[in-house]
N, C-alpha and C. Protein backbone atom coordinates (compact mmCIF):
# COMPACT_ATOMS: atom_id res chain seq x y z
N MET A 1 -6.19 -21.85 16.48
CA MET A 1 -7.58 -21.45 16.38
C MET A 1 -7.64 -19.93 16.23
N SER A 2 -8.41 -19.48 15.28
CA SER A 2 -8.57 -18.05 15.03
C SER A 2 -9.58 -17.44 15.99
N THR A 3 -9.40 -16.17 16.27
CA THR A 3 -10.33 -15.45 17.13
C THR A 3 -10.83 -14.21 16.42
N LEU A 4 -12.00 -13.77 16.81
CA LEU A 4 -12.57 -12.55 16.27
C LEU A 4 -11.94 -11.37 17.01
N VAL A 5 -11.64 -10.33 16.27
CA VAL A 5 -11.08 -9.12 16.87
C VAL A 5 -12.14 -8.03 16.81
N LEU A 6 -12.39 -7.37 17.94
CA LEU A 6 -13.31 -6.24 18.01
C LEU A 6 -12.63 -5.14 18.79
N HIS A 7 -12.41 -4.02 18.12
CA HIS A 7 -11.75 -2.88 18.76
C HIS A 7 -12.69 -1.68 18.67
N MET A 8 -12.87 -0.95 19.77
CA MET A 8 -13.77 0.20 19.78
C MET A 8 -13.00 1.48 20.06
N ASP A 9 -13.36 2.54 19.30
CA ASP A 9 -12.79 3.87 19.51
C ASP A 9 -13.90 4.90 19.54
N LYS A 10 -13.65 5.99 20.23
CA LYS A 10 -14.58 7.12 20.27
C LYS A 10 -13.89 8.30 19.58
N PHE A 11 -14.66 9.03 18.76
CA PHE A 11 -14.09 10.15 18.03
C PHE A 11 -14.89 11.42 18.27
N LYS A 12 -14.16 12.50 18.46
CA LYS A 12 -14.80 13.81 18.60
C LYS A 12 -14.94 14.44 17.23
N LYS A 13 -15.62 15.56 17.18
CA LYS A 13 -15.96 16.20 15.91
C LYS A 13 -14.75 16.49 15.03
N ASP A 14 -13.64 16.89 15.62
CA ASP A 14 -12.46 17.26 14.83
C ASP A 14 -11.77 16.07 14.16
N ALA A 15 -12.09 14.85 14.53
CA ALA A 15 -11.46 13.67 13.94
C ALA A 15 -12.24 13.10 12.76
N ILE A 16 -13.46 13.56 12.56
CA ILE A 16 -14.36 12.95 11.57
C ILE A 16 -13.80 13.03 10.15
N ARG A 17 -13.26 14.17 9.76
CA ARG A 17 -12.74 14.33 8.39
C ARG A 17 -11.62 13.33 8.12
N GLY A 18 -10.74 13.13 9.07
CA GLY A 18 -9.64 12.18 8.91
C GLY A 18 -10.13 10.74 8.81
N ILE A 19 -11.15 10.40 9.59
CA ILE A 19 -11.73 9.06 9.54
C ILE A 19 -12.33 8.80 8.16
N GLN A 20 -13.07 9.77 7.64
CA GLN A 20 -13.67 9.63 6.31
C GLN A 20 -12.58 9.48 5.25
N SER A 21 -11.56 10.28 5.35
CA SER A 21 -10.46 10.24 4.38
C SER A 21 -9.79 8.86 4.38
N HIS A 22 -9.58 8.30 5.56
CA HIS A 22 -8.97 6.97 5.66
C HIS A 22 -9.89 5.89 5.11
N ASN A 23 -11.15 5.89 5.55
CA ASN A 23 -12.08 4.84 5.13
C ASN A 23 -12.34 4.84 3.63
N ARG A 24 -12.49 6.01 3.08
CA ARG A 24 -12.83 6.14 1.65
C ARG A 24 -11.59 6.19 0.76
N ARG A 25 -10.40 6.18 1.38
CA ARG A 25 -9.14 6.26 0.62
C ARG A 25 -9.14 7.50 -0.29
N GLU A 26 -9.53 8.63 0.31
CA GLU A 26 -9.63 9.87 -0.46
C GLU A 26 -8.26 10.46 -0.79
N ARG A 27 -7.28 10.13 0.02
CA ARG A 27 -5.90 10.53 -0.30
C ARG A 27 -4.96 9.48 0.26
N GLU A 28 -3.77 9.46 -0.29
CA GLU A 28 -2.80 8.44 0.09
C GLU A 28 -2.28 8.68 1.50
N SER A 29 -2.22 7.61 2.28
CA SER A 29 -1.73 7.69 3.64
C SER A 29 -0.23 7.45 3.67
N HIS A 30 0.47 8.35 4.34
CA HIS A 30 1.91 8.18 4.50
C HIS A 30 2.24 7.53 5.83
N SER A 31 1.23 7.40 6.69
CA SER A 31 1.45 6.84 8.02
C SER A 31 1.10 5.35 8.11
N ASN A 32 0.45 4.81 7.06
CA ASN A 32 0.06 3.39 7.08
C ASN A 32 0.68 2.67 5.88
N PRO A 33 1.84 2.08 6.07
CA PRO A 33 2.50 1.39 4.95
C PRO A 33 1.83 0.07 4.55
N ASP A 34 0.86 -0.41 5.34
CA ASP A 34 0.19 -1.68 5.05
C ASP A 34 -0.83 -1.57 3.93
N ILE A 35 -1.20 -0.35 3.54
CA ILE A 35 -2.21 -0.18 2.50
C ILE A 35 -1.60 -0.40 1.12
N ASP A 36 -2.21 -1.32 0.37
CA ASP A 36 -1.81 -1.59 -1.02
C ASP A 36 -2.87 -0.95 -1.91
N TYR A 37 -2.60 0.25 -2.39
CA TYR A 37 -3.60 1.01 -3.13
C TYR A 37 -4.02 0.34 -4.44
N SER A 38 -3.24 -0.58 -4.95
CA SER A 38 -3.63 -1.30 -6.16
C SER A 38 -4.80 -2.25 -5.88
N ARG A 39 -5.05 -2.56 -4.59
CA ARG A 39 -6.16 -3.43 -4.21
C ARG A 39 -7.34 -2.66 -3.61
N SER A 40 -7.27 -1.34 -3.57
CA SER A 40 -8.32 -0.52 -2.95
C SER A 40 -9.66 -0.63 -3.65
N ALA A 41 -9.67 -0.99 -4.92
CA ALA A 41 -10.93 -1.16 -5.65
C ALA A 41 -11.77 -2.29 -5.05
N GLY A 42 -11.14 -3.18 -4.29
CA GLY A 42 -11.85 -4.29 -3.65
C GLY A 42 -12.53 -3.91 -2.35
N ASN A 43 -12.33 -2.69 -1.87
CA ASN A 43 -13.00 -2.23 -0.65
C ASN A 43 -14.48 -1.98 -0.94
N TYR A 44 -15.34 -2.18 0.06
CA TYR A 44 -16.77 -1.96 -0.14
C TYR A 44 -17.44 -1.55 1.15
N ASP A 45 -18.55 -0.83 1.03
CA ASP A 45 -19.31 -0.35 2.18
C ASP A 45 -20.59 -1.17 2.29
N LEU A 46 -20.83 -1.75 3.46
CA LEU A 46 -22.01 -2.58 3.70
C LEU A 46 -23.18 -1.79 4.28
N CYS A 47 -23.01 -0.50 4.46
CA CYS A 47 -24.08 0.35 4.97
C CYS A 47 -25.13 0.52 3.88
N GLU A 48 -26.41 0.44 4.27
CA GLU A 48 -27.49 0.56 3.28
C GLU A 48 -27.49 1.91 2.59
N ASN A 49 -27.23 2.96 3.33
CA ASN A 49 -27.20 4.31 2.77
C ASN A 49 -25.85 4.94 3.08
N PRO A 50 -24.80 4.51 2.39
CA PRO A 50 -23.48 5.06 2.71
C PRO A 50 -23.44 6.56 2.45
N SER A 51 -22.83 7.27 3.35
CA SER A 51 -22.77 8.72 3.26
C SER A 51 -21.52 9.18 2.52
N ALA A 52 -21.69 10.18 1.68
CA ALA A 52 -20.54 10.77 1.00
C ALA A 52 -19.82 11.73 1.93
N ASN A 53 -20.53 12.25 2.93
CA ASN A 53 -19.94 13.20 3.86
C ASN A 53 -20.31 12.80 5.29
N TYR A 54 -19.37 12.22 6.01
CA TYR A 54 -19.63 11.74 7.36
C TYR A 54 -20.09 12.86 8.28
N ALA A 55 -19.39 14.00 8.26
CA ALA A 55 -19.71 15.10 9.18
C ALA A 55 -21.14 15.58 8.98
N GLU A 56 -21.57 15.68 7.74
CA GLU A 56 -22.93 16.12 7.44
C GLU A 56 -23.96 15.11 7.94
N SER A 57 -23.71 13.84 7.71
CA SER A 57 -24.62 12.78 8.16
C SER A 57 -24.73 12.75 9.68
N ILE A 58 -23.59 12.91 10.34
CA ILE A 58 -23.59 12.91 11.81
C ILE A 58 -24.37 14.11 12.33
N GLN A 59 -24.12 15.28 11.75
CA GLN A 59 -24.84 16.48 12.19
C GLN A 59 -26.33 16.36 11.93
N ASN A 60 -26.72 15.79 10.79
CA ASN A 60 -28.14 15.58 10.50
C ASN A 60 -28.78 14.67 11.54
N ARG A 61 -28.06 13.61 11.94
CA ARG A 61 -28.60 12.69 12.94
C ARG A 61 -28.74 13.39 14.29
N ILE A 62 -27.75 14.19 14.66
CA ILE A 62 -27.82 14.93 15.92
C ILE A 62 -28.97 15.94 15.89
N ASP A 63 -29.14 16.61 14.75
CA ASP A 63 -30.24 17.57 14.61
C ASP A 63 -31.60 16.89 14.75
N ASP A 64 -31.70 15.64 14.26
CA ASP A 64 -32.95 14.88 14.36
C ASP A 64 -33.35 14.61 15.81
N LEU A 65 -32.37 14.62 16.71
CA LEU A 65 -32.65 14.31 18.11
C LEU A 65 -33.41 15.42 18.84
N LEU A 66 -33.37 16.63 18.30
CA LEU A 66 -34.03 17.78 18.93
C LEU A 66 -33.64 17.90 20.40
N LEU A 67 -32.34 17.94 20.63
CA LEU A 67 -31.81 18.01 21.99
C LEU A 67 -32.16 19.35 22.63
N VAL A 68 -32.47 19.31 23.91
CA VAL A 68 -32.79 20.52 24.66
C VAL A 68 -31.52 21.32 24.92
N LYS A 69 -30.47 20.63 25.34
CA LYS A 69 -29.19 21.28 25.61
C LYS A 69 -28.32 21.23 24.36
N ALA A 70 -27.43 22.20 24.25
CA ALA A 70 -26.47 22.20 23.14
C ALA A 70 -25.47 21.07 23.33
N VAL A 71 -24.97 20.54 22.23
CA VAL A 71 -23.98 19.47 22.29
C VAL A 71 -22.66 20.08 22.76
N ARG A 72 -22.04 19.42 23.72
CA ARG A 72 -20.77 19.92 24.26
C ARG A 72 -19.69 19.93 23.18
N LYS A 73 -18.76 20.84 23.32
CA LYS A 73 -17.67 20.95 22.36
C LYS A 73 -16.81 19.68 22.31
N ASP A 74 -16.65 19.05 23.45
CA ASP A 74 -15.81 17.87 23.54
C ASP A 74 -16.60 16.55 23.49
N ALA A 75 -17.84 16.61 23.01
CA ALA A 75 -18.69 15.42 22.96
C ALA A 75 -18.19 14.42 21.92
N VAL A 76 -18.42 13.15 22.20
CA VAL A 76 -18.12 12.09 21.24
C VAL A 76 -19.24 12.09 20.20
N HIS A 77 -18.87 12.32 18.94
CA HIS A 77 -19.85 12.37 17.86
C HIS A 77 -19.94 11.04 17.11
N LEU A 78 -18.86 10.27 17.15
CA LEU A 78 -18.78 9.07 16.33
C LEU A 78 -18.06 7.97 17.10
N CYS A 79 -18.61 6.77 17.03
CA CYS A 79 -17.95 5.60 17.60
C CYS A 79 -17.56 4.69 16.44
N GLY A 80 -16.39 4.11 16.55
CA GLY A 80 -15.91 3.22 15.52
C GLY A 80 -15.55 1.86 16.09
N LEU A 81 -16.05 0.83 15.45
CA LEU A 81 -15.73 -0.54 15.84
C LEU A 81 -14.99 -1.18 14.67
N VAL A 82 -13.82 -1.73 14.94
CA VAL A 82 -13.06 -2.43 13.92
C VAL A 82 -13.24 -3.92 14.17
N VAL A 83 -13.73 -4.63 13.15
CA VAL A 83 -13.99 -6.06 13.25
C VAL A 83 -13.05 -6.79 12.30
N SER A 84 -12.38 -7.82 12.81
CA SER A 84 -11.47 -8.59 11.97
C SER A 84 -11.18 -9.93 12.64
N SER A 85 -10.23 -10.64 12.07
CA SER A 85 -9.70 -11.87 12.63
C SER A 85 -8.25 -11.94 12.19
N ASP A 86 -7.62 -13.08 12.32
CA ASP A 86 -6.23 -13.17 11.86
C ASP A 86 -6.16 -13.56 10.38
N THR A 87 -5.00 -13.38 9.80
CA THR A 87 -4.81 -13.65 8.38
C THR A 87 -5.09 -15.11 8.04
N ALA A 88 -4.72 -16.03 8.92
CA ALA A 88 -4.94 -17.45 8.67
C ALA A 88 -6.44 -17.75 8.51
N PHE A 89 -7.27 -17.08 9.27
CA PHE A 89 -8.72 -17.27 9.17
C PHE A 89 -9.21 -16.87 7.78
N PHE A 90 -8.81 -15.69 7.32
CA PHE A 90 -9.28 -15.20 6.02
C PHE A 90 -8.68 -15.98 4.85
N ASP A 91 -7.50 -16.59 5.07
CA ASP A 91 -6.89 -17.40 4.01
C ASP A 91 -7.72 -18.64 3.70
N THR A 92 -8.54 -19.08 4.65
CA THR A 92 -9.38 -20.28 4.44
C THR A 92 -10.72 -19.95 3.78
N LEU A 93 -11.05 -18.67 3.66
CA LEU A 93 -12.34 -18.26 3.13
C LEU A 93 -12.25 -17.80 1.68
N THR A 94 -13.33 -18.03 0.94
CA THR A 94 -13.44 -17.47 -0.41
C THR A 94 -13.86 -16.00 -0.28
N ALA A 95 -13.86 -15.29 -1.38
CA ALA A 95 -14.28 -13.87 -1.37
C ALA A 95 -15.74 -13.75 -0.92
N GLU A 96 -16.59 -14.69 -1.36
CA GLU A 96 -18.01 -14.66 -0.98
C GLU A 96 -18.18 -14.94 0.51
N GLU A 97 -17.41 -15.88 1.04
CA GLU A 97 -17.49 -16.21 2.47
C GLU A 97 -16.97 -15.05 3.32
N THR A 98 -15.94 -14.39 2.85
CA THR A 98 -15.41 -13.22 3.56
C THR A 98 -16.46 -12.12 3.61
N ARG A 99 -17.11 -11.87 2.47
CA ARG A 99 -18.16 -10.85 2.43
C ARG A 99 -19.31 -11.23 3.38
N ARG A 100 -19.71 -12.49 3.38
CA ARG A 100 -20.79 -12.93 4.28
C ARG A 100 -20.38 -12.76 5.75
N PHE A 101 -19.12 -13.05 6.06
CA PHE A 101 -18.59 -12.85 7.42
C PHE A 101 -18.82 -11.40 7.86
N PHE A 102 -18.44 -10.45 7.01
CA PHE A 102 -18.59 -9.04 7.36
C PHE A 102 -20.05 -8.59 7.33
N GLU A 103 -20.85 -9.12 6.40
CA GLU A 103 -22.28 -8.77 6.34
C GLU A 103 -22.99 -9.17 7.62
N GLU A 104 -22.68 -10.37 8.13
CA GLU A 104 -23.32 -10.86 9.36
C GLU A 104 -22.92 -10.01 10.56
N ARG A 105 -21.64 -9.62 10.63
CA ARG A 105 -21.19 -8.79 11.75
C ARG A 105 -21.80 -7.39 11.65
N ALA A 106 -21.89 -6.85 10.43
CA ALA A 106 -22.49 -5.52 10.24
C ALA A 106 -23.96 -5.54 10.64
N ALA A 107 -24.68 -6.60 10.29
CA ALA A 107 -26.10 -6.72 10.66
C ALA A 107 -26.25 -6.79 12.18
N PHE A 108 -25.39 -7.56 12.84
CA PHE A 108 -25.44 -7.67 14.29
C PHE A 108 -25.19 -6.31 14.95
N LEU A 109 -24.15 -5.61 14.49
CA LEU A 109 -23.81 -4.31 15.07
C LEU A 109 -24.88 -3.26 14.77
N THR A 110 -25.50 -3.35 13.59
CA THR A 110 -26.59 -2.44 13.24
C THR A 110 -27.76 -2.62 14.20
N ASP A 111 -28.08 -3.86 14.52
CA ASP A 111 -29.14 -4.13 15.51
C ASP A 111 -28.76 -3.58 16.88
N PHE A 112 -27.48 -3.66 17.22
CA PHE A 112 -26.99 -3.20 18.53
C PHE A 112 -27.11 -1.69 18.68
N VAL A 113 -26.77 -0.92 17.62
CA VAL A 113 -26.74 0.55 17.72
C VAL A 113 -27.95 1.23 17.11
N GLY A 114 -28.73 0.52 16.30
CA GLY A 114 -29.88 1.12 15.62
C GLY A 114 -29.52 1.57 14.22
N ARG A 115 -30.31 1.14 13.25
CA ARG A 115 -30.04 1.41 11.83
C ARG A 115 -29.89 2.90 11.53
N GLU A 116 -30.69 3.73 12.20
CA GLU A 116 -30.67 5.17 11.94
C GLU A 116 -29.37 5.84 12.39
N ASN A 117 -28.57 5.15 13.20
CA ASN A 117 -27.33 5.72 13.73
C ASN A 117 -26.09 5.30 12.94
N VAL A 118 -26.23 4.36 12.02
CA VAL A 118 -25.07 3.84 11.28
C VAL A 118 -24.67 4.83 10.19
N ILE A 119 -23.38 5.13 10.15
CA ILE A 119 -22.81 6.05 9.16
C ILE A 119 -22.11 5.27 8.05
N SER A 120 -21.39 4.22 8.43
CA SER A 120 -20.62 3.46 7.44
C SER A 120 -20.25 2.09 8.02
N ALA A 121 -20.08 1.13 7.12
CA ALA A 121 -19.57 -0.20 7.48
C ALA A 121 -18.60 -0.59 6.38
N MET A 122 -17.47 0.11 6.34
CA MET A 122 -16.50 -0.03 5.26
C MET A 122 -15.56 -1.21 5.50
N VAL A 123 -15.51 -2.10 4.52
CA VAL A 123 -14.61 -3.26 4.58
C VAL A 123 -13.37 -2.93 3.75
N HIS A 124 -12.22 -3.05 4.39
CA HIS A 124 -10.94 -2.82 3.71
C HIS A 124 -10.31 -4.15 3.33
N MET A 125 -10.19 -4.36 2.04
CA MET A 125 -9.55 -5.56 1.52
C MET A 125 -8.13 -5.26 1.02
N ASP A 126 -7.68 -4.03 1.19
CA ASP A 126 -6.40 -3.61 0.62
C ASP A 126 -5.27 -3.53 1.64
N GLU A 127 -5.47 -4.12 2.81
CA GLU A 127 -4.41 -4.17 3.81
C GLU A 127 -4.05 -5.63 4.06
N LYS A 128 -3.09 -5.87 4.95
CA LYS A 128 -2.60 -7.24 5.18
C LYS A 128 -3.71 -8.18 5.59
N THR A 129 -4.61 -7.71 6.47
CA THR A 129 -5.72 -8.52 6.94
C THR A 129 -7.03 -7.78 6.67
N PRO A 130 -8.01 -8.43 6.04
CA PRO A 130 -9.30 -7.77 5.83
C PRO A 130 -9.92 -7.38 7.17
N HIS A 131 -10.58 -6.23 7.18
CA HIS A 131 -11.25 -5.75 8.39
C HIS A 131 -12.35 -4.78 8.01
N MET A 132 -13.27 -4.57 8.95
CA MET A 132 -14.38 -3.66 8.72
C MET A 132 -14.33 -2.53 9.75
N HIS A 133 -14.51 -1.30 9.27
CA HIS A 133 -14.66 -0.12 10.12
C HIS A 133 -16.16 0.18 10.19
N PHE A 134 -16.77 -0.12 11.32
CA PHE A 134 -18.21 0.11 11.52
C PHE A 134 -18.35 1.41 12.32
N LEU A 135 -18.92 2.44 11.69
CA LEU A 135 -19.03 3.76 12.32
C LEU A 135 -20.48 4.12 12.59
N HIS A 136 -20.73 4.67 13.77
CA HIS A 136 -22.10 5.08 14.11
C HIS A 136 -22.09 6.26 15.06
N VAL A 137 -23.19 6.99 15.04
CA VAL A 137 -23.41 8.09 15.99
C VAL A 137 -23.84 7.45 17.30
N SER A 138 -23.30 7.96 18.39
CA SER A 138 -23.55 7.34 19.70
C SER A 138 -24.83 7.87 20.35
N VAL A 139 -25.97 7.43 19.81
CA VAL A 139 -27.28 7.85 20.31
C VAL A 139 -27.87 6.73 21.17
N THR A 140 -28.29 7.09 22.36
CA THR A 140 -28.88 6.11 23.27
C THR A 140 -30.34 5.84 22.87
N PRO A 141 -30.93 4.75 23.35
CA PRO A 141 -32.34 4.46 23.02
C PRO A 141 -33.31 5.57 23.42
N ASP A 142 -32.94 6.35 24.46
CA ASP A 142 -33.83 7.45 24.88
C ASP A 142 -33.48 8.78 24.19
N GLY A 143 -32.65 8.74 23.15
CA GLY A 143 -32.41 9.91 22.31
C GLY A 143 -31.36 10.89 22.79
N ARG A 144 -30.39 10.41 23.56
CA ARG A 144 -29.29 11.27 24.01
C ARG A 144 -28.02 10.91 23.25
N LEU A 145 -27.11 11.87 23.14
CA LEU A 145 -25.81 11.62 22.54
C LEU A 145 -24.86 11.25 23.67
N SER A 146 -24.56 9.96 23.81
CA SER A 146 -23.75 9.51 24.95
C SER A 146 -23.09 8.16 24.65
N ALA A 147 -21.84 8.20 24.27
CA ALA A 147 -21.09 6.97 24.02
C ALA A 147 -20.88 6.18 25.31
N ASN A 148 -20.70 6.89 26.43
CA ASN A 148 -20.48 6.22 27.72
C ASN A 148 -21.69 5.41 28.16
N SER A 149 -22.88 5.82 27.76
CA SER A 149 -24.09 5.08 28.12
C SER A 149 -24.27 3.84 27.25
N ILE A 150 -23.77 3.90 26.02
CA ILE A 150 -23.89 2.76 25.10
C ILE A 150 -22.82 1.72 25.40
N TYR A 151 -21.60 2.20 25.59
CA TYR A 151 -20.47 1.28 25.79
C TYR A 151 -20.07 1.23 27.26
N THR A 152 -20.84 0.48 28.00
CA THR A 152 -20.52 0.23 29.41
C THR A 152 -19.66 -1.03 29.47
N ARG A 153 -19.12 -1.29 30.61
CA ARG A 153 -18.31 -2.50 30.78
C ARG A 153 -19.15 -3.75 30.43
N ALA A 154 -20.41 -3.75 30.88
CA ALA A 154 -21.30 -4.90 30.64
C ALA A 154 -21.62 -5.05 29.15
N SER A 155 -21.90 -3.94 28.46
CA SER A 155 -22.27 -4.04 27.05
C SER A 155 -21.06 -4.45 26.19
N LEU A 156 -19.87 -4.01 26.56
CA LEU A 156 -18.67 -4.42 25.82
C LEU A 156 -18.39 -5.92 26.01
N LYS A 157 -18.60 -6.40 27.23
CA LYS A 157 -18.44 -7.84 27.48
C LYS A 157 -19.45 -8.64 26.66
N LYS A 158 -20.69 -8.15 26.62
CA LYS A 158 -21.74 -8.83 25.85
C LYS A 158 -21.39 -8.83 24.36
N LEU A 159 -20.92 -7.71 23.83
CA LEU A 159 -20.50 -7.64 22.44
C LEU A 159 -19.39 -8.65 22.14
N GLN A 160 -18.40 -8.70 23.01
CA GLN A 160 -17.28 -9.63 22.82
C GLN A 160 -17.76 -11.08 22.83
N ALA A 161 -18.76 -11.37 23.63
CA ALA A 161 -19.27 -12.74 23.72
C ALA A 161 -20.22 -13.09 22.58
N ASP A 162 -21.11 -12.15 22.21
CA ASP A 162 -22.16 -12.45 21.23
C ASP A 162 -21.74 -12.28 19.79
N LEU A 163 -20.83 -11.37 19.50
CA LEU A 163 -20.45 -11.10 18.11
C LEU A 163 -19.84 -12.32 17.40
N PRO A 164 -18.96 -13.07 18.04
CA PRO A 164 -18.42 -14.25 17.34
C PRO A 164 -19.47 -15.30 17.00
N ALA A 165 -20.50 -15.39 17.83
CA ALA A 165 -21.56 -16.39 17.60
C ALA A 165 -22.34 -16.03 16.35
């Protein structure tokens, strides 16, 4: 039986350029031998307004918050969720069913974090197992930049339980 995989990471400002480079395949990776660049044309972004520049989009979103205090130097600017399953699961799906699988998960995660906070929902079809990198700015419902407030133990458990459904 296949299971859904959900992995969460937090990124500070200095990591954003590297994340964009990896997601958009802007240059060849020497550290990831699983990437088959001949299949990179099959990658796609499910974000409604995909950004050409992640750092600029993140800064624009933070500026929109009109924060009273300055953002800390070591603040988490971007959260990344990787959604996937095992290879056997994707082997049973057509290309359309695979896309629908990722579209449904992207819609669920967009509702969870808020549409205005989504930076990218890039699906990689050029590695051994298809997966989606869902990136968002960690803005709380009350307008603070705080990944720790969004990703509590309870909210992560809820995500793990509700996302497969």
